[in-house]
């Protein structure tokens, strides 16, 4: 479900963040609103 909703999302490479201490990977996306 999430994969379908983020399909064709665009993001700058600077929007990829890995917090090794908290074991968390985050992405800031501009996603197309497939649900709309």
ModelCIF file with pLDDT and N, C-alpha, C, O atoms, coordinates in Angstrom:
data_MODEL
#
_entry.id   MODEL 
#
_entity.id                         1 
_entity.type                       polymer 
_entity.pdbx_number_of_molecules   1 
#
_entity_poly.entity_id                      1 
_entity_poly.type                           'polypeptide(L)' 
_entity_poly.nstd_linkage                   no 
_entity_poly.nstd_monomer                   no 
_entity_poly.pdbx_seq_one_letter_code       
;(UNK)(UNK)(UNK)(UNK)(UNK)(UNK)(UNK)(UNK)(UNK)(UNK)(UNK)(UNK)(UNK)(UNK)(UNK)(UNK)
(UNK)(UNK)(UNK)(UNK)(UNK)(UNK)(UNK)(UNK)(UNK)(UNK)(UNK)(UNK)(UNK)(UNK)(UNK)(UNK)
(UNK)(UNK)(UNK)(UNK)
;
_entity_poly.pdbx_seq_one_letter_code_can   XXXXXXXXXXXXXXXXXXXXXXXXXXXXXXXXXXXX 
_entity_poly.pdbx_strand_id                 A 
#
loop_
_entity_poly_seq.entity_id 
_entity_poly_seq.num 
_entity_poly_seq.mon_id 
_entity_poly_seq.hetero 
1 1  UNK n 
1 2  UNK n 
1 3  UNK n 
1 4  UNK n 
1 5  UNK n 
1 6  UNK n 
1 7  UNK n 
1 8  UNK n 
1 9  UNK n 
1 10 UNK n 
1 11 UNK n 
1 12 UNK n 
1 13 UNK n 
1 14 UNK n 
1 15 UNK n 
1 16 UNK n 
1 17 UNK n 
1 18 UNK n 
1 19 UNK n 
1 20 UNK n 
1 21 UNK n 
1 22 UNK n 
1 23 UNK n 
1 24 UNK n 
1 25 UNK n 
1 26 UNK n 
1 27 UNK n 
1 28 UNK n 
1 29 UNK n 
1 30 UNK n 
1 31 UNK n 
1 32 UNK n 
1 33 UNK n 
1 34 UNK n 
1 35 UNK n 
1 36 UNK n 
#
_struct_asym.id          A 
_struct_asym.entity_id   1 
#
loop_
_ma_qa_metric.id 
_ma_qa_metric.mode 
_ma_qa_metric.name 
_ma_qa_metric.software_group_id 
_ma_qa_metric.type 
1 global pLDDT . pLDDT 
2 local  pLDDT . pLDDT 
#
_ma_qa_metric_global.metric_id      1 
_ma_qa_metric_global.metric_value   96.47 
_ma_qa_metric_global.model_id       1 
_ma_qa_metric_global.ordinal_id     1 
#
loop_
_ma_qa_metric_local.label_asym_id 
_ma_qa_metric_local.label_comp_id 
_ma_qa_metric_local.label_seq_id 
_ma_qa_metric_local.metric_id 
_ma_qa_metric_local.metric_value 
_ma_qa_metric_local.model_id 
_ma_qa_metric_local.ordinal_id 
A UNK 1  2 97.00 1 1  
A UNK 2  2 98.00 1 2  
A UNK 3  2 97.00 1 3  
A UNK 4  2 96.00 1 4  
A UNK 5  2 97.00 1 5  
A UNK 6  2 97.00 1 6  
A UNK 7  2 97.00 1 7  
A UNK 8  2 96.00 1 8  
A UNK 9  2 97.00 1 9  
A UNK 10 2 96.00 1 10 
A UNK 11 2 96.00 1 11 
A UNK 12 2 95.00 1 12 
A UNK 13 2 95.00 1 13 
A UNK 14 2 95.00 1 14 
A UNK 15 2 94.00 1 15 
A UNK 16 2 96.00 1 16 
A UNK 17 2 97.00 1 17 
A UNK 18 2 97.00 1 18 
A UNK 19 2 97.00 1 19 
A UNK 20 2 96.00 1 20 
A UNK 21 2 97.00 1 21 
A UNK 22 2 97.00 1 22 
A UNK 23 2 97.00 1 23 
A UNK 24 2 98.00 1 24 
A UNK 25 2 98.00 1 25 
A UNK 26 2 98.00 1 26 
A UNK 27 2 97.00 1 27 
A UNK 28 2 97.00 1 28 
A UNK 29 2 97.00 1 29 
A UNK 30 2 97.00 1 30 
A UNK 31 2 97.00 1 31 
A UNK 32 2 97.00 1 32 
A UNK 33 2 96.00 1 33 
A UNK 34 2 95.00 1 34 
A UNK 35 2 95.00 1 35 
A UNK 36 2 94.00 1 36 
#
loop_
_atom_site.group_PDB 
_atom_site.id 
_atom_site.type_symbol 
_atom_site.label_atom_id 
_atom_site.label_alt_id 
_atom_site.label_comp_id 
_atom_site.label_asym_id 
_atom_site.label_entity_id 
_atom_site.label_seq_id 
_atom_site.pdbx_PDB_ins_code 
_atom_site.Cartn_x 
_atom_site.Cartn_y 
_atom_site.Cartn_z 
_atom_site.occupancy 
_atom_site.B_iso_or_equiv 
_atom_site.pdbx_formal_charge 
_atom_site.auth_seq_id 
_atom_site.auth_comp_id 
_atom_site.auth_asym_id 
_atom_site.auth_atom_id 
_atom_site.pdbx_PDB_model_num 
ATOM 1   N N  . UNK A 1 1  ? 0.840  -1.203 0.000  1.00 97.00 ? 1  UNK A N  1 
ATOM 2   C CA . UNK A 1 1  ? 0.000  0.000  0.000  1.00 97.00 ? 1  UNK A CA 1 
ATOM 3   C C  . UNK A 1 1  ? 0.872  1.249  0.000  1.00 97.00 ? 1  UNK A C  1 
ATOM 4   O O  . UNK A 1 1  ? 0.662  2.159  -0.802 1.00 97.00 ? 1  UNK A O  1 
ATOM 5   N N  . UNK A 1 2  ? 1.846  1.290  0.898  1.00 98.00 ? 2  UNK A N  1 
ATOM 6   C CA . UNK A 1 2  ? 2.724  2.458  0.960  1.00 98.00 ? 2  UNK A CA 1 
ATOM 7   C C  . UNK A 1 2  ? 3.534  2.574  -0.319 1.00 98.00 ? 2  UNK A C  1 
ATOM 8   O O  . UNK A 1 2  ? 3.724  3.680  -0.825 1.00 98.00 ? 2  UNK A O  1 
ATOM 9   N N  . UNK A 1 3  ? 4.014  1.464  -0.851 1.00 97.00 ? 3  UNK A N  1 
ATOM 10  C CA . UNK A 1 3  ? 4.779  1.486  -2.092 1.00 97.00 ? 3  UNK A CA 1 
ATOM 11  C C  . UNK A 1 3  ? 3.964  2.101  -3.233 1.00 97.00 ? 3  UNK A C  1 
ATOM 12  O O  . UNK A 1 3  ? 4.483  2.899  -4.013 1.00 97.00 ? 3  UNK A O  1 
ATOM 13  N N  . UNK A 1 4  ? 2.695  1.727  -3.324 1.00 96.00 ? 4  UNK A N  1 
ATOM 14  C CA . UNK A 1 4  ? 1.834  2.288  -4.375 1.00 96.00 ? 4  UNK A CA 1 
ATOM 15  C C  . UNK A 1 4  ? 1.640  3.787  -4.189 1.00 96.00 ? 4  UNK A C  1 
ATOM 16  O O  . UNK A 1 4  ? 1.579  4.528  -5.170 1.00 96.00 ? 4  UNK A O  1 
ATOM 17  N N  . UNK A 1 5  ? 1.544  4.236  -2.957 1.00 97.00 ? 5  UNK A N  1 
ATOM 18  C CA . UNK A 1 5  ? 1.316  5.659  -2.687 1.00 97.00 ? 5  UNK A CA 1 
ATOM 19  C C  . UNK A 1 5  ? 2.558  6.522  -2.909 1.00 97.00 ? 5  UNK A C  1 
ATOM 20  O O  . UNK A 1 5  ? 2.434  7.711  -3.201 1.00 97.00 ? 5  UNK A O  1 
ATOM 21  N N  . UNK A 1 6  ? 3.753  5.942  -2.775 1.00 97.00 ? 6  UNK A N  1 
ATOM 22  C CA . UNK A 1 6  ? 4.977  6.721  -2.984 1.00 97.00 ? 6  UNK A CA 1 
ATOM 23  C C  . UNK A 1 6  ? 5.572  6.512  -4.378 1.00 97.00 ? 6  UNK A C  1 
ATOM 24  O O  . UNK A 1 6  ? 6.618  7.077  -4.699 1.00 97.00 ? 6  UNK A O  1 
ATOM 25  N N  . UNK A 1 7  ? 4.908  5.706  -5.202 1.00 97.00 ? 7  UNK A N  1 
ATOM 26  C CA . UNK A 1 7  ? 5.401  5.516  -6.570 1.00 97.00 ? 7  UNK A CA 1 
ATOM 27  C C  . UNK A 1 7  ? 5.492  6.867  -7.260 1.00 97.00 ? 7  UNK A C  1 
ATOM 28  O O  . UNK A 1 7  ? 4.553  7.661  -7.213 1.00 97.00 ? 7  UNK A O  1 
ATOM 29  N N  . UNK A 1 8  ? 6.610  7.121  -7.892 1.00 96.00 ? 8  UNK A N  1 
ATOM 30  C CA . UNK A 1 8  ? 6.886  8.355  -8.628 1.00 96.00 ? 8  UNK A CA 1 
ATOM 31  C C  . UNK A 1 8  ? 7.104  9.563  -7.726 1.00 96.00 ? 8  UNK A C  1 
ATOM 32  O O  . UNK A 1 8  ? 7.052  10.700 -8.193 1.00 96.00 ? 8  UNK A O  1 
ATOM 33  N N  . UNK A 1 9  ? 7.347  9.328  -6.440 1.00 97.00 ? 9  UNK A N  1 
ATOM 34  C CA . UNK A 1 9  ? 7.737  10.431 -5.560 1.00 97.00 ? 9  UNK A CA 1 
ATOM 35  C C  . UNK A 1 9  ? 9.124  10.895 -5.976 1.00 97.00 ? 9  UNK A C  1 
ATOM 36  O O  . UNK A 1 9  ? 9.958  10.090 -6.392 1.00 97.00 ? 9  UNK A O  1 
ATOM 37  N N  . UNK A 1 10 ? 9.365  12.185 -5.863 1.00 96.00 ? 10 UNK A N  1 
ATOM 38  C CA . UNK A 1 10 ? 10.678 12.731 -6.165 1.00 96.00 ? 10 UNK A CA 1 
ATOM 39  C C  . UNK A 1 10 ? 11.263 13.315 -4.888 1.00 96.00 ? 10 UNK A C  1 
ATOM 40  O O  . UNK A 1 10 ? 10.542 13.794 -4.013 1.00 96.00 ? 10 UNK A O  1 
ATOM 41  N N  . UNK A 1 11 ? 12.585 13.264 -4.804 1.00 96.00 ? 11 UNK A N  1 
ATOM 42  C CA . UNK A 1 11 ? 13.262 13.768 -3.620 1.00 96.00 ? 11 UNK A CA 1 
ATOM 43  C C  . UNK A 1 11 ? 14.679 14.146 -3.951 1.00 96.00 ? 11 UNK A C  1 
ATOM 44  O O  . UNK A 1 11 ? 15.322 13.501 -4.778 1.00 96.00 ? 11 UNK A O  1 
ATOM 45  N N  . UNK A 1 12 ? 15.175 15.189 -3.313 1.00 95.00 ? 12 UNK A N  1 
ATOM 46  C CA . UNK A 1 12 ? 16.591 15.506 -3.498 1.00 95.00 ? 12 UNK A CA 1 
ATOM 47  C C  . UNK A 1 12 ? 17.426 14.486 -2.740 1.00 95.00 ? 12 UNK A C  1 
ATOM 48  O O  . UNK A 1 12 ? 16.997 13.958 -1.714 1.00 95.00 ? 12 UNK A O  1 
ATOM 49  N N  . UNK A 1 13 ? 18.611 14.215 -3.247 1.00 95.00 ? 13 UNK A N  1 
ATOM 50  C CA . UNK A 1 13 ? 19.489 13.259 -2.562 1.00 95.00 ? 13 UNK A CA 1 
ATOM 51  C C  . UNK A 1 13 ? 19.781 13.751 -1.143 1.00 95.00 ? 13 UNK A C  1 
ATOM 52  O O  . UNK A 1 13 ? 20.066 12.946 -0.256 1.00 95.00 ? 13 UNK A O  1 
ATOM 53  N N  . UNK A 1 14 ? 19.712 15.054 -0.926 1.00 95.00 ? 14 UNK A N  1 
ATOM 54  C CA . UNK A 1 14 ? 19.911 15.606 0.421  1.00 95.00 ? 14 UNK A CA 1 
ATOM 55  C C  . UNK A 1 14 ? 18.744 15.280 1.345  1.00 95.00 ? 14 UNK A C  1 
ATOM 56  O O  . UNK A 1 14 ? 18.837 15.505 2.552  1.00 95.00 ? 14 UNK A O  1 
ATOM 57  N N  . UNK A 1 15 ? 17.646 14.753 0.801  1.00 94.00 ? 15 UNK A N  1 
ATOM 58  C CA . UNK A 1 15 ? 16.489 14.360 1.594  1.00 94.00 ? 15 UNK A CA 1 
ATOM 59  C C  . UNK A 1 15 ? 16.590 12.951 2.153  1.00 94.00 ? 15 UNK A C  1 
ATOM 60  O O  . UNK A 1 15 ? 15.636 12.455 2.752  1.00 94.00 ? 15 UNK A O  1 
ATOM 61  N N  . UNK A 1 16 ? 17.739 12.296 1.965  1.00 96.00 ? 16 UNK A N  1 
ATOM 62  C CA . UNK A 1 16 ? 18.001 10.959 2.523  1.00 96.00 ? 16 UNK A CA 1 
ATOM 63  C C  . UNK A 1 16 ? 18.816 11.132 3.800  1.00 96.00 ? 16 UNK A C  1 
ATOM 64  O O  . UNK A 1 16 ? 19.894 11.728 3.771  1.00 96.00 ? 16 UNK A O  1 
ATOM 65  N N  . UNK A 1 17 ? 18.318 10.623 4.906  1.00 97.00 ? 17 UNK A N  1 
ATOM 66  C CA . UNK A 1 17 ? 19.035 10.755 6.183  1.00 97.00 ? 17 UNK A CA 1 
ATOM 67  C C  . UNK A 1 17 ? 19.047 9.430  6.920  1.00 97.00 ? 17 UNK A C  1 
ATOM 68  O O  . UNK A 1 17 ? 18.006 8.799  7.101  1.00 97.00 ? 17 UNK A O  1 
ATOM 69  N N  . UNK A 1 18 ? 20.254 9.005  7.350  1.00 97.00 ? 18 UNK A N  1 
ATOM 70  C CA . UNK A 1 18 ? 20.383 7.802  8.162  1.00 97.00 ? 18 UNK A CA 1 
ATOM 71  C C  . UNK A 1 18 ? 20.913 8.204  9.526  1.00 97.00 ? 18 UNK A C  1 
ATOM 72  O O  . UNK A 1 18 ? 22.012 8.749  9.635  1.00 97.00 ? 18 UNK A O  1 
ATOM 73  N N  . UNK A 1 19 ? 20.137 7.938  10.561 1.00 97.00 ? 19 UNK A N  1 
ATOM 74  C CA . UNK A 1 19 ? 20.533 8.174  11.942 1.00 97.00 ? 19 UNK A CA 1 
ATOM 75  C C  . UNK A 1 19 ? 20.944 6.816  12.504 1.00 97.00 ? 19 UNK A C  1 
ATOM 76  O O  . UNK A 1 19 ? 20.110 6.063  13.007 1.00 97.00 ? 19 UNK A O  1 
ATOM 77  N N  . UNK A 1 20 ? 22.245 6.513  12.414 1.00 96.00 ? 20 UNK A N  1 
ATOM 78  C CA . UNK A 1 20 ? 22.747 5.194  12.824 1.00 96.00 ? 20 UNK A CA 1 
ATOM 79  C C  . UNK A 1 20 ? 22.532 4.955  14.319 1.00 96.00 ? 20 UNK A C  1 
ATOM 80  O O  . UNK A 1 20 ? 22.255 3.830  14.735 1.00 96.00 ? 20 UNK A O  1 
ATOM 81  N N  . UNK A 1 21 ? 22.658 5.988  15.109 1.00 97.00 ? 21 UNK A N  1 
ATOM 82  C CA . UNK A 1 21 ? 22.498 5.837  16.561 1.00 97.00 ? 21 UNK A CA 1 
ATOM 83  C C  . UNK A 1 21 ? 21.096 5.350  16.916 1.00 97.00 ? 21 UNK A C  1 
ATOM 84  O O  . UNK A 1 21 ? 20.933 4.487  17.778 1.00 97.00 ? 21 UNK A O  1 
ATOM 85  N N  . UNK A 1 22 ? 20.089 5.904  16.249 1.00 97.00 ? 22 UNK A N  1 
ATOM 86  C CA . UNK A 1 22 ? 18.701 5.511  16.517 1.00 97.00 ? 22 UNK A CA 1 
ATOM 87  C C  . UNK A 1 22 ? 18.184 4.473  15.525 1.00 97.00 ? 22 UNK A C  1 
ATOM 88  O O  . UNK A 1 22 ? 17.021 4.072  15.579 1.00 97.00 ? 22 UNK A O  1 
ATOM 89  N N  . UNK A 1 23 ? 19.065 4.042  14.617 1.00 97.00 ? 23 UNK A N  1 
ATOM 90  C CA . UNK A 1 23 ? 18.745 3.016  13.610 1.00 97.00 ? 23 UNK A CA 1 
ATOM 91  C C  . UNK A 1 23 ? 17.498 3.408  12.806 1.00 97.00 ? 23 UNK A C  1 
ATOM 92  O O  . UNK A 1 23 ? 16.559 2.625  12.660 1.00 97.00 ? 23 UNK A O  1 
ATOM 93  N N  . UNK A 1 24 ? 17.518 4.629  12.296 1.00 98.00 ? 24 UNK A N  1 
ATOM 94  C CA . UNK A 1 24 ? 16.362 5.180  11.590 1.00 98.00 ? 24 UNK A CA 1 
ATOM 95  C C  . UNK A 1 24 ? 16.829 5.797  10.266 1.00 98.00 ? 24 UNK A C  1 
ATOM 96  O O  . UNK A 1 24 ? 17.791 6.564  10.220 1.00 98.00 ? 24 UNK A O  1 
ATOM 97  N N  . UNK A 1 25 ? 16.118 5.438  9.194  1.00 98.00 ? 25 UNK A N  1 
ATOM 98  C CA . UNK A 1 25 ? 16.391 5.999  7.866  1.00 98.00 ? 25 UNK A CA 1 
ATOM 99  C C  . UNK A 1 25 ? 15.158 6.798  7.451  1.00 98.00 ? 25 UNK A C  1 
ATOM 100 O O  . UNK A 1 25 ? 14.040 6.284  7.491  1.00 98.00 ? 25 UNK A O  1 
ATOM 101 N N  . UNK A 1 26 ? 15.361 8.053  7.052  1.00 98.00 ? 26 UNK A N  1 
ATOM 102 C CA . UNK A 1 26 ? 14.235 8.913  6.691  1.00 98.00 ? 26 UNK A CA 1 
ATOM 103 C C  . UNK A 1 26 ? 14.435 9.506  5.305  1.00 98.00 ? 26 UNK A C  1 
ATOM 104 O O  . UNK A 1 26 ? 15.556 9.777  4.875  1.00 98.00 ? 26 UNK A O  1 
ATOM 105 N N  . UNK A 1 27 ? 13.316 9.697  4.623  1.00 97.00 ? 27 UNK A N  1 
ATOM 106 C CA . UNK A 1 27 ? 13.308 10.314 3.294  1.00 97.00 ? 27 UNK A CA 1 
ATOM 107 C C  . UNK A 1 27 ? 12.248 11.413 3.290  1.00 97.00 ? 27 UNK A C  1 
ATOM 108 O O  . UNK A 1 27 ? 11.126 11.203 3.751  1.00 97.00 ? 27 UNK A O  1 
ATOM 109 N N  . UNK A 1 28 ? 12.610 12.589 2.766  1.00 97.00 ? 28 UNK A N  1 
ATOM 110 C CA . UNK A 1 28 ? 11.654 13.676 2.573  1.00 97.00 ? 28 UNK A CA 1 
ATOM 111 C C  . UNK A 1 28 ? 11.221 13.630 1.115  1.00 97.00 ? 28 UNK A C  1 
ATOM 112 O O  . UNK A 1 28 ? 12.016 13.918 0.220  1.00 97.00 ? 28 UNK A O  1 
ATOM 113 N N  . UNK A 1 29 ? 9.966  13.271 0.873  1.00 97.00 ? 29 UNK A N  1 
ATOM 114 C CA . UNK A 1 29 ? 9.443  13.016 -0.472 1.00 97.00 ? 29 UNK A CA 1 
ATOM 115 C C  . UNK A 1 29 ? 8.476  14.102 -0.928 1.00 97.00 ? 29 UNK A C  1 
ATOM 116 O O  . UNK A 1 29 ? 7.810  14.742 -0.114 1.00 97.00 ? 29 UNK A O  1 
ATOM 117 N N  . UNK A 1 30 ? 8.411  14.295 -2.232 1.00 97.00 ? 30 UNK A N  1 
ATOM 118 C CA . UNK A 1 30 ? 7.332  15.038 -2.868 1.00 97.00 ? 30 UNK A CA 1 
ATOM 119 C C  . UNK A 1 30 ? 6.555  13.981 -3.638 1.00 97.00 ? 30 UNK A C  1 
ATOM 120 O O  . UNK A 1 30 ? 6.933  13.608 -4.749 1.00 97.00 ? 30 UNK A O  1 
ATOM 121 N N  . UNK A 1 31 ? 5.465  13.500 -3.041 1.00 97.00 ? 31 UNK A N  1 
ATOM 122 C CA . UNK A 1 31 ? 4.779  12.372 -3.652 1.00 97.00 ? 31 UNK A CA 1 
ATOM 123 C C  . UNK A 1 31 ? 3.543  12.819 -4.426 1.00 97.00 ? 31 UNK A C  1 
ATOM 124 O O  . UNK A 1 31 ? 2.834  13.745 -4.032 1.00 97.00 ? 31 UNK A O  1 
ATOM 125 N N  . UNK A 1 32 ? 3.312  12.128 -5.541 1.00 97.00 ? 32 UNK A N  1 
ATOM 126 C CA . UNK A 1 32 ? 2.098  12.329 -6.321 1.00 97.00 ? 32 UNK A CA 1 
ATOM 127 C C  . UNK A 1 32 ? 0.942  11.766 -5.500 1.00 97.00 ? 32 UNK A C  1 
ATOM 128 O O  . UNK A 1 32 ? 1.072  10.696 -4.904 1.00 97.00 ? 32 UNK A O  1 
ATOM 129 N N  . UNK A 1 33 ? -0.176 12.467 -5.463 1.00 96.00 ? 33 UNK A N  1 
ATOM 130 C CA . UNK A 1 33 ? -1.331 12.012 -4.671 1.00 96.00 ? 33 UNK A CA 1 
ATOM 131 C C  . UNK A 1 33 ? -2.180 11.051 -5.499 1.00 96.00 ? 33 UNK A C  1 
ATOM 132 O O  . UNK A 1 33 ? -3.213 11.425 -6.054 1.00 96.00 ? 33 UNK A O  1 
ATOM 133 N N  . UNK A 1 34 ? -1.716 9.803  -5.568 1.00 95.00 ? 34 UNK A N  1 
ATOM 134 C CA . UNK A 1 34 ? -2.447 8.778  -6.323 1.00 95.00 ? 34 UNK A CA 1 
ATOM 135 C C  . UNK A 1 34 ? -3.860 8.599  -5.792 1.00 95.00 ? 34 UNK A C  1 
ATOM 136 O O  . UNK A 1 34 ? -4.780 8.321  -6.561 1.00 95.00 ? 34 UNK A O  1 
ATOM 137 N N  . UNK A 1 35 ? -4.041 8.754  -4.499 1.00 95.00 ? 35 UNK A N  1 
ATOM 138 C CA . UNK A 1 35 ? -5.353 8.563  -3.894 1.00 95.00 ? 35 UNK A CA 1 
ATOM 139 C C  . UNK A 1 35 ? -6.363 9.628  -4.335 1.00 95.00 ? 35 UNK A C  1 
ATOM 140 O O  . UNK A 1 35 ? -7.562 9.477  -4.102 1.00 95.00 ? 35 UNK A O  1 
ATOM 141 N N  . UNK A 1 36 ? -5.883 10.701 -4.969 1.00 94.00 ? 36 UNK A N  1 
ATOM 142 C CA . UNK A 1 36 ? -6.751 11.805 -5.404 1.00 94.00 ? 36 UNK A CA 1 
ATOM 143 C C  . UNK A 1 36 ? -6.882 11.882 -6.927 1.00 94.00 ? 36 UNK A C  1 
ATOM 144 O O  . UNK A 1 36 ? -7.579 12.756 -7.442 1.00 94.00 ? 36 UNK A O  1 
#
